[in-house]
Amino acid sequence: MSECCKRTKERSPEEMRALLNRLKRIEGQIRGISGMVEASAYCPDILNQVAAAESALAAFARELLSSHIKTCVASDVREGREEALDELIQTLGRFL
C-alpha cells in the first residue's frame, strides 16, 4: 500500500455529511447524463449537463482542497513536516 493510502483524516459528522451530499448530487447528475444518452438526447443538451457535472465536481474538489490546506497542511507545517508542502504542490499540479 502506498504511503498516501495509510493516512486518514478525522472529519466531523457535519463535514462528512456535506461532502457525501455533494457527491450524491454529482452522482445523480452523471446518471442523468447517462439517461440522456440512452434517450438519444440532442448533443448540446447532453454537453450542457456534462459542463454542469464538471463544474459541480470542480467545486467539490475546491472545497476539499481548501479544508485540506486549512487543517492537514497547516498542522503538518506547524509540526515541522515541510514535506506536506511538496505534497500540496503535487496535488495542486493535478488541478492546473
N, C-alpha and C. Protein backbone atom coordinates (compact mmCIF):
# COMPACT_ATOMS: atom_id res chain seq x y z
N MET A 1 0.85 -1.18 0.00
CA MET A 1 0.00 0.00 0.00
C MET A 1 0.89 1.23 0.00
N SER A 2 0.54 2.24 -0.83
CA SER A 2 1.36 3.44 -0.88
C SER A 2 1.18 4.26 0.38
N GLU A 3 2.11 5.15 0.62
CA GLU A 3 2.10 5.96 1.84
C GLU A 3 0.83 6.80 1.95
N CYS A 4 0.36 7.33 0.82
CA CYS A 4 -0.82 8.19 0.89
C CYS A 4 -2.05 7.41 1.35
N CYS A 5 -2.09 6.15 1.06
CA CYS A 5 -3.26 5.35 1.42
C CYS A 5 -3.28 5.00 2.91
N LYS A 6 -2.18 5.18 3.60
CA LYS A 6 -2.10 4.86 5.02
C LYS A 6 -2.61 6.01 5.88
N ARG A 7 -2.70 7.21 5.31
CA ARG A 7 -3.12 8.37 6.08
C ARG A 7 -4.64 8.50 6.02
N THR A 8 -5.20 9.01 7.08
CA THR A 8 -6.63 9.27 7.13
C THR A 8 -6.86 10.66 7.70
N LYS A 9 -8.08 11.12 7.62
CA LYS A 9 -8.43 12.42 8.18
C LYS A 9 -9.71 12.29 8.98
N GLU A 10 -9.69 12.80 10.18
CA GLU A 10 -10.88 12.86 11.01
C GLU A 10 -11.78 13.98 10.48
N ARG A 11 -13.02 13.65 10.16
CA ARG A 11 -13.98 14.66 9.72
C ARG A 11 -15.14 14.69 10.67
N SER A 12 -15.66 15.87 10.90
CA SER A 12 -16.84 15.99 11.74
C SER A 12 -18.02 15.35 11.00
N PRO A 13 -19.03 14.93 11.74
CA PRO A 13 -20.22 14.38 11.08
C PRO A 13 -20.83 15.36 10.08
N GLU A 14 -20.80 16.65 10.40
CA GLU A 14 -21.36 17.67 9.51
C GLU A 14 -20.56 17.76 8.22
N GLU A 15 -19.22 17.76 8.33
CA GLU A 15 -18.36 17.83 7.15
C GLU A 15 -18.56 16.59 6.29
N MET A 16 -18.60 15.43 6.92
CA MET A 16 -18.79 14.18 6.19
C MET A 16 -20.12 14.20 5.45
N ARG A 17 -21.16 14.62 6.12
CA ARG A 17 -22.49 14.67 5.52
C ARG A 17 -22.51 15.64 4.33
N ALA A 18 -21.90 16.81 4.48
CA ALA A 18 -21.87 17.80 3.40
C ALA A 18 -21.12 17.27 2.18
N LEU A 19 -19.97 16.64 2.42
CA LEU A 19 -19.19 16.08 1.30
C LEU A 19 -19.96 14.97 0.59
N LEU A 20 -20.53 14.07 1.37
CA LEU A 20 -21.27 12.96 0.77
C LEU A 20 -22.52 13.44 0.03
N ASN A 21 -23.20 14.46 0.56
CA ASN A 21 -24.37 15.00 -0.13
C ASN A 21 -23.98 15.60 -1.47
N ARG A 22 -22.86 16.32 -1.51
CA ARG A 22 -22.38 16.88 -2.78
C ARG A 22 -22.10 15.76 -3.77
N LEU A 23 -21.42 14.72 -3.30
CA LEU A 23 -21.08 13.61 -4.20
C LEU A 23 -22.33 12.89 -4.70
N LYS A 24 -23.32 12.76 -3.86
CA LYS A 24 -24.56 12.11 -4.29
C LYS A 24 -25.28 12.94 -5.35
N ARG A 25 -25.23 14.27 -5.21
CA ARG A 25 -25.83 15.13 -6.25
C ARG A 25 -25.08 14.97 -7.56
N ILE A 26 -23.75 14.92 -7.49
CA ILE A 26 -22.94 14.74 -8.70
C ILE A 26 -23.24 13.39 -9.32
N GLU A 27 -23.33 12.37 -8.50
CA GLU A 27 -23.67 11.03 -8.99
C GLU A 27 -25.02 11.05 -9.70
N GLY A 28 -25.98 11.77 -9.16
CA GLY A 28 -27.28 11.90 -9.80
C GLY A 28 -27.17 12.61 -11.15
N GLN A 29 -26.31 13.63 -11.21
CA GLN A 29 -26.11 14.31 -12.49
C GLN A 29 -25.54 13.35 -13.53
N ILE A 30 -24.59 12.54 -13.12
CA ILE A 30 -23.97 11.58 -14.05
C ILE A 30 -25.00 10.56 -14.52
N ARG A 31 -25.82 10.08 -13.61
CA ARG A 31 -26.89 9.15 -14.02
C ARG A 31 -27.86 9.83 -14.99
N GLY A 32 -28.13 11.12 -14.76
CA GLY A 32 -28.98 11.86 -15.67
C GLY A 32 -28.38 11.97 -17.06
N ILE A 33 -27.09 12.18 -17.12
CA ILE A 33 -26.40 12.25 -18.42
C ILE A 33 -26.49 10.90 -19.12
N SER A 34 -26.29 9.85 -18.38
CA SER A 34 -26.40 8.50 -18.94
C SER A 34 -27.80 8.29 -19.52
N GLY A 35 -28.81 8.72 -18.77
CA GLY A 35 -30.18 8.60 -19.25
C GLY A 35 -30.42 9.40 -20.51
N MET A 36 -29.80 10.57 -20.58
CA MET A 36 -29.94 11.39 -21.79
C MET A 36 -29.33 10.69 -23.00
N VAL A 37 -28.17 10.07 -22.81
CA VAL A 37 -27.53 9.35 -23.91
C VAL A 37 -28.42 8.20 -24.34
N GLU A 38 -28.94 7.45 -23.36
CA GLU A 38 -29.82 6.32 -23.68
C GLU A 38 -31.09 6.78 -24.41
N ALA A 39 -31.55 7.98 -24.12
CA ALA A 39 -32.75 8.52 -24.75
C ALA A 39 -32.43 9.26 -26.06
N SER A 40 -31.18 9.21 -26.47
CA SER A 40 -30.74 9.88 -27.71
C SER A 40 -31.02 11.37 -27.68
N ALA A 41 -30.76 12.01 -26.55
CA ALA A 41 -30.97 13.45 -26.42
C ALA A 41 -30.03 14.21 -27.36
N TYR A 42 -30.40 15.42 -27.65
CA TYR A 42 -29.63 16.30 -28.53
C TYR A 42 -28.26 16.58 -27.90
N CYS A 43 -27.20 16.47 -28.71
CA CYS A 43 -25.82 16.57 -28.20
C CYS A 43 -25.56 17.81 -27.35
N PRO A 44 -25.94 19.02 -27.81
CA PRO A 44 -25.68 20.19 -26.97
C PRO A 44 -26.38 20.12 -25.60
N ASP A 45 -27.54 19.49 -25.54
CA ASP A 45 -28.23 19.34 -24.26
C ASP A 45 -27.42 18.45 -23.32
N ILE A 46 -26.88 17.38 -23.87
CA ILE A 46 -26.03 16.48 -23.06
C ILE A 46 -24.77 17.22 -22.62
N LEU A 47 -24.16 17.94 -23.55
CA LEU A 47 -22.93 18.66 -23.23
C LEU A 47 -23.16 19.72 -22.15
N ASN A 48 -24.32 20.36 -22.16
CA ASN A 48 -24.64 21.32 -21.10
C ASN A 48 -24.67 20.63 -19.74
N GLN A 49 -25.22 19.43 -19.70
CA GLN A 49 -25.27 18.69 -18.44
C GLN A 49 -23.88 18.20 -18.03
N VAL A 50 -23.06 17.84 -19.01
CA VAL A 50 -21.67 17.45 -18.72
C VAL A 50 -20.93 18.63 -18.10
N ALA A 51 -21.11 19.82 -18.67
CA ALA A 51 -20.46 21.01 -18.13
C ALA A 51 -20.91 21.27 -16.70
N ALA A 52 -22.19 21.08 -16.43
CA ALA A 52 -22.71 21.29 -15.07
C ALA A 52 -22.10 20.27 -14.10
N ALA A 53 -21.98 19.03 -14.53
CA ALA A 53 -21.40 17.99 -13.67
C ALA A 53 -19.92 18.27 -13.42
N GLU A 54 -19.20 18.71 -14.46
CA GLU A 54 -17.79 19.05 -14.28
C GLU A 54 -17.63 20.20 -13.31
N SER A 55 -18.49 21.20 -13.42
CA SER A 55 -18.45 22.35 -12.52
C SER A 55 -18.72 21.91 -11.08
N ALA A 56 -19.69 21.04 -10.89
CA ALA A 56 -20.02 20.55 -9.55
C ALA A 56 -18.85 19.75 -8.97
N LEU A 57 -18.21 18.93 -9.79
CA LEU A 57 -17.07 18.15 -9.31
C LEU A 57 -15.89 19.06 -8.98
N ALA A 58 -15.67 20.09 -9.79
CA ALA A 58 -14.59 21.05 -9.51
C ALA A 58 -14.87 21.79 -8.20
N ALA A 59 -16.12 22.15 -7.96
CA ALA A 59 -16.47 22.83 -6.71
C ALA A 59 -16.23 21.91 -5.52
N PHE A 60 -16.56 20.63 -5.67
CA PHE A 60 -16.30 19.65 -4.61
C PHE A 60 -14.80 19.58 -4.33
N ALA A 61 -14.00 19.50 -5.39
CA ALA A 61 -12.55 19.41 -5.23
C ALA A 61 -11.99 20.66 -4.55
N ARG A 62 -12.48 21.85 -4.93
CA ARG A 62 -12.02 23.09 -4.29
C ARG A 62 -12.34 23.10 -2.81
N GLU A 63 -13.54 22.67 -2.46
CA GLU A 63 -13.93 22.63 -1.05
C GLU A 63 -13.05 21.66 -0.27
N LEU A 64 -12.82 20.49 -0.83
CA LEU A 64 -11.99 19.50 -0.16
C LEU A 64 -10.54 20.00 -0.04
N LEU A 65 -10.03 20.61 -1.09
CA LEU A 65 -8.66 21.13 -1.07
C LEU A 65 -8.52 22.26 -0.04
N SER A 66 -9.49 23.13 0.01
CA SER A 66 -9.47 24.21 0.99
C SER A 66 -9.42 23.66 2.41
N SER A 67 -10.26 22.69 2.68
CA SER A 67 -10.27 22.06 4.00
C SER A 67 -8.93 21.39 4.30
N HIS A 68 -8.37 20.73 3.30
CA HIS A 68 -7.09 20.04 3.47
C HIS A 68 -5.99 21.04 3.83
N ILE A 69 -5.96 22.17 3.12
CA ILE A 69 -4.92 23.17 3.38
C ILE A 69 -5.08 23.75 4.79
N LYS A 70 -6.33 24.08 5.15
CA LYS A 70 -6.58 24.72 6.45
C LYS A 70 -6.33 23.79 7.63
N THR A 71 -6.49 22.49 7.41
CA THR A 71 -6.35 21.55 8.53
C THR A 71 -5.06 20.74 8.41
N CYS A 72 -5.02 19.82 7.50
CA CYS A 72 -3.89 18.88 7.40
C CYS A 72 -2.56 19.57 7.11
N VAL A 73 -2.54 20.39 6.05
CA VAL A 73 -1.28 21.04 5.66
C VAL A 73 -0.81 22.01 6.75
N ALA A 74 -1.73 22.83 7.24
CA ALA A 74 -1.35 23.79 8.29
C ALA A 74 -0.80 23.07 9.52
N SER A 75 -1.44 22.01 9.92
CA SER A 75 -0.98 21.25 11.09
C SER A 75 0.39 20.64 10.84
N ASP A 76 0.57 20.03 9.66
CA ASP A 76 1.86 19.42 9.34
C ASP A 76 2.98 20.46 9.34
N VAL A 77 2.74 21.62 8.76
CA VAL A 77 3.77 22.67 8.71
C VAL A 77 4.08 23.17 10.11
N ARG A 78 3.05 23.39 10.93
CA ARG A 78 3.29 23.82 12.32
C ARG A 78 4.14 22.81 13.08
N GLU A 79 3.97 21.53 12.74
CA GLU A 79 4.73 20.47 13.42
C GLU A 79 6.07 20.18 12.75
N GLY A 80 6.44 21.02 11.76
CA GLY A 80 7.75 20.89 11.13
C GLY A 80 7.83 19.89 9.99
N ARG A 81 6.71 19.39 9.54
CA ARG A 81 6.72 18.43 8.43
C ARG A 81 6.58 19.20 7.11
N GLU A 82 7.69 19.74 6.67
CA GLU A 82 7.72 20.56 5.46
C GLU A 82 7.36 19.77 4.20
N GLU A 83 7.48 18.43 4.24
CA GLU A 83 7.13 17.62 3.08
C GLU A 83 5.66 17.75 2.72
N ALA A 84 4.86 18.24 3.66
CA ALA A 84 3.44 18.48 3.39
C ALA A 84 3.28 19.52 2.29
N LEU A 85 4.21 20.47 2.22
CA LEU A 85 4.15 21.48 1.16
C LEU A 85 4.44 20.87 -0.20
N ASP A 86 5.39 19.95 -0.25
CA ASP A 86 5.69 19.25 -1.52
C ASP A 86 4.47 18.45 -1.98
N GLU A 87 3.82 17.78 -1.03
CA GLU A 87 2.62 17.01 -1.36
C GLU A 87 1.52 17.94 -1.87
N LEU A 88 1.38 19.10 -1.24
CA LEU A 88 0.38 20.07 -1.67
C LEU A 88 0.68 20.57 -3.08
N ILE A 89 1.93 20.85 -3.37
CA ILE A 89 2.31 21.32 -4.70
C ILE A 89 2.00 20.25 -5.74
N GLN A 90 2.28 18.99 -5.43
CA GLN A 90 1.96 17.91 -6.36
C GLN A 90 0.44 17.80 -6.55
N THR A 91 -0.30 17.92 -5.48
CA THR A 91 -1.76 17.85 -5.56
C THR A 91 -2.30 18.99 -6.42
N LEU A 92 -1.81 20.20 -6.18
CA LEU A 92 -2.25 21.34 -6.97
C LEU A 92 -1.90 21.18 -8.44
N GLY A 93 -0.76 20.55 -8.71
CA GLY A 93 -0.34 20.31 -10.09
C GLY A 93 -1.33 19.47 -10.86
N ARG A 94 -2.05 18.59 -10.19
CA ARG A 94 -3.05 17.78 -10.86
C ARG A 94 -4.27 18.59 -11.29
N PHE A 95 -4.48 19.74 -10.65
CA PHE A 95 -5.64 20.57 -10.95
C PHE A 95 -5.32 21.71 -11.92
N LEU A 96 -4.05 21.98 -12.13
CA LEU A 96 -3.68 23.11 -13.00
C LEU A 96 -3.28 22.65 -14.37
